Amino acid sequence: MKATIRFFEKPNCTGNARQKAILLSAGHRLIIENLLAYPFTREELRSYFGALSVAQWFNGLAPRVKSGEIDIAAMGEEQALDVMLADPLLIRRPLMEVNGVQLVGFNIEELERIGVSCKESPRLHLLKGVDLEGCPGDAIGIQCDEPRTLPRLG
């Protein structure tokens, strides 16, 4: 089934770009939303997390999580929603909505389960073995929020 997917991303995120490329190459239509600027209500944001544990709501690569500034294991739902609404970088991405089903994170098996076929995506085959939720820059010490420039040649 070809689906229309509402896809909440962090603009210019390489990981989200990979995920979008997989979905688009599988023939799906994306409605892109800026996760960092979207005016979520508490109830709307909470609805994406379903039965996941509070720790699974968080982007484990967010600077405040990685540094230990935020202890996600010690947070309850209300406190987690408060900090995420104040700092959307903390939200695990992408958030997706497909035919009324809301998802957090990029899980091919879960997408397939709800009828969003991805396994035949040419992009997915190119990315075989790659962590599709991880940050490609993290492995080489590049933080997405740091300005990057091309090297000067000659």
Protein backbone atom coordinates (compact mmCIF):
# COMPACT_ATOMS: atom_id res chain seq x y z
CA MET A 1 0.00 0.00 0.00
CA LYS A 2 1.25 3.46 -0.84
CA ALA A 3 0.66 5.71 2.15
CA THR A 4 0.56 9.38 2.98
CA ILE A 5 2.77 9.87 6.02
CA ARG A 6 2.93 12.94 8.23
CA PHE A 7 6.63 13.01 9.11
CA PHE A 8 7.94 15.21 11.94
CA GLU A 9 11.65 15.82 11.45
CA LYS A 10 14.50 17.94 12.65
CA PRO A 11 15.35 20.02 9.57
CA ASN A 12 18.72 19.13 8.03
CA CYS A 13 19.03 15.96 10.12
CA THR A 14 20.98 13.39 8.12
CA GLY A 15 19.24 10.51 9.88
CA ASN A 16 15.81 11.91 9.05
CA ALA A 17 16.97 12.47 5.45
CA ARG A 18 17.85 8.77 5.19
CA GLN A 19 14.49 7.77 6.61
CA LYS A 20 12.60 10.05 4.21
CA ALA A 21 14.60 8.69 1.26
CA ILE A 22 13.57 5.13 2.19
CA LEU A 23 9.90 6.06 2.40
CA LEU A 24 9.94 8.14 -0.80
CA SER A 25 11.78 5.48 -2.81
CA ALA A 26 9.13 2.99 -1.69
CA GLY A 27 6.51 5.25 -3.29
CA HIS A 28 5.02 6.87 -0.19
CA ARG A 29 3.96 10.52 0.02
CA LEU A 30 5.36 12.58 2.88
CA ILE A 31 3.92 15.63 4.56
CA ILE A 32 6.93 17.12 6.30
CA GLU A 33 6.57 18.94 9.62
CA ASN A 34 9.32 20.73 11.55
CA LEU A 35 9.49 18.93 14.89
CA LEU A 36 11.36 21.85 16.45
CA ALA A 37 8.76 24.48 15.52
CA TYR A 38 5.47 22.57 15.56
CA PRO A 39 3.12 23.81 18.34
CA PHE A 40 2.32 20.49 20.00
CA THR A 41 -0.20 20.33 22.82
CA ARG A 42 0.64 18.00 25.72
CA GLU A 43 -2.09 15.60 24.66
CA GLU A 44 -1.01 15.56 21.01
CA LEU A 45 2.64 14.91 21.85
CA ARG A 46 1.72 12.22 24.39
CA SER A 47 -0.43 10.43 21.81
CA TYR A 48 2.64 9.49 19.76
CA PHE A 49 4.26 7.49 22.55
CA GLY A 50 1.52 4.93 23.18
CA ALA A 51 2.63 2.23 25.61
CA LEU A 52 6.37 2.97 25.30
CA SER A 53 8.28 3.59 28.51
CA VAL A 54 9.09 7.25 29.21
CA ALA A 55 12.79 6.63 28.52
CA GLN A 56 11.86 5.43 25.00
CA TRP A 57 10.22 8.79 24.28
CA PHE A 58 13.60 10.53 24.31
CA ASN A 59 16.23 11.07 21.66
CA GLY A 60 19.14 9.33 23.33
CA LEU A 61 21.58 11.34 21.18
CA ALA A 62 20.25 14.73 22.29
CA PRO A 63 23.12 16.71 23.88
CA ARG A 64 21.27 17.18 27.19
CA VAL A 65 20.56 13.44 27.40
CA LYS A 66 24.09 12.35 26.39
CA SER A 67 25.68 14.73 28.90
CA GLY A 68 23.53 13.39 31.74
CA GLU A 69 21.95 16.80 32.34
CA ILE A 70 18.58 15.09 31.93
CA ASP A 71 18.08 11.75 33.66
CA ILE A 72 15.44 10.13 31.47
CA ALA A 73 15.29 7.01 33.65
CA ALA A 74 14.09 9.08 36.61
CA MET A 75 11.35 11.01 34.78
CA GLY A 76 7.64 10.52 34.96
CA GLU A 77 5.28 11.26 32.09
CA GLU A 78 4.34 14.79 33.13
CA GLN A 79 7.92 15.93 33.69
CA ALA A 80 9.01 14.31 30.40
CA LEU A 81 6.29 16.13 28.48
CA ASP A 82 7.26 19.41 30.17
CA VAL A 83 10.91 19.16 29.16
CA MET A 84 10.11 17.97 25.63
CA LEU A 85 7.67 20.79 25.00
CA ALA A 86 10.32 23.24 26.22
CA ASP A 87 13.13 21.58 24.23
CA PRO A 88 11.90 19.56 21.22
CA LEU A 89 15.45 18.31 20.49
CA LEU A 90 14.75 15.85 23.29
CA ILE A 91 11.94 14.13 21.36
CA ARG A 92 12.86 10.86 19.69
CA ARG A 93 12.48 11.18 15.93
CA PRO A 94 10.81 10.89 13.66
CA LEU A 95 7.25 11.15 14.84
CA MET A 96 4.98 9.79 12.12
CA GLU A 97 1.27 9.56 11.56
CA VAL A 98 -0.18 7.15 9.00
CA ASN A 99 -3.94 6.68 8.62
CA GLY A 100 -4.54 7.66 12.24
CA VAL A 101 -1.73 5.47 13.61
CA GLN A 102 0.99 7.41 15.44
CA LEU A 103 4.57 6.18 15.72
CA VAL A 104 7.80 7.34 17.30
CA GLY A 105 11.17 6.31 15.89
CA PHE A 106 11.93 4.63 12.60
CA ASN A 107 11.19 0.94 12.84
CA ILE A 108 10.83 -0.89 9.50
CA GLU A 109 9.04 -3.86 11.10
CA GLU A 110 6.47 -1.59 12.75
CA LEU A 111 5.90 0.33 9.50
CA GLU A 112 5.39 -2.96 7.65
CA ARG A 113 2.99 -4.16 10.38
CA ILE A 114 0.69 -1.17 9.81
CA GLY A 115 0.81 -1.60 6.03
CA VAL A 116 3.58 0.85 5.06
CA SER A 117 5.76 -1.27 2.82
CA CYS A 118 9.44 -0.35 2.96
CA LYS A 119 11.34 -3.61 2.61
CA GLU A 120 11.55 -3.31 -1.17
CA SER A 121 12.78 0.29 -1.08
CA PRO A 122 15.95 0.69 -3.17
CA ARG A 123 17.28 3.09 -0.51
CA LEU A 124 16.78 0.53 2.22
CA HIS A 125 18.87 -1.96 0.27
CA LEU A 126 21.65 0.64 -0.09
CA LEU A 127 21.58 1.24 3.67
CA LYS A 128 21.61 -2.43 4.67
CA GLY A 129 23.26 -2.78 8.06
CA VAL A 130 23.06 0.93 8.90
CA ASP A 131 21.39 2.03 12.15
CA LEU A 132 18.41 3.89 10.71
CA GLU A 133 17.61 5.69 13.97
CA GLY A 134 21.15 6.67 14.82
CA CYS A 135 23.00 9.81 13.83
CA PRO A 136 25.60 9.21 11.11
CA GLY A 137 27.71 12.07 12.44
CA ASP A 138 27.76 10.73 15.99
CA ALA A 139 30.11 7.88 15.06
CA ILE A 140 32.71 10.35 13.75
CA GLY A 141 32.25 13.06 16.36
CA ILE A 142 30.18 15.55 14.36
CA GLN A 143 27.26 17.14 16.16
CA CYS A 144 24.37 18.21 13.95
CA ASP A 145 24.00 21.50 15.77
CA GLU A 146 27.58 22.54 15.03
CA PRO A 147 27.99 24.70 11.92
CA ARG A 148 29.78 22.82 9.18
CA THR A 149 31.55 24.19 6.17
CA LEU A 150 33.24 22.64 3.19
CA PRO A 151 37.01 22.47 3.38
CA ARG A 152 38.94 25.10 1.47
CA LEU A 153 40.80 23.67 -1.45
CA GLY A 154 44.11 25.05 -2.71
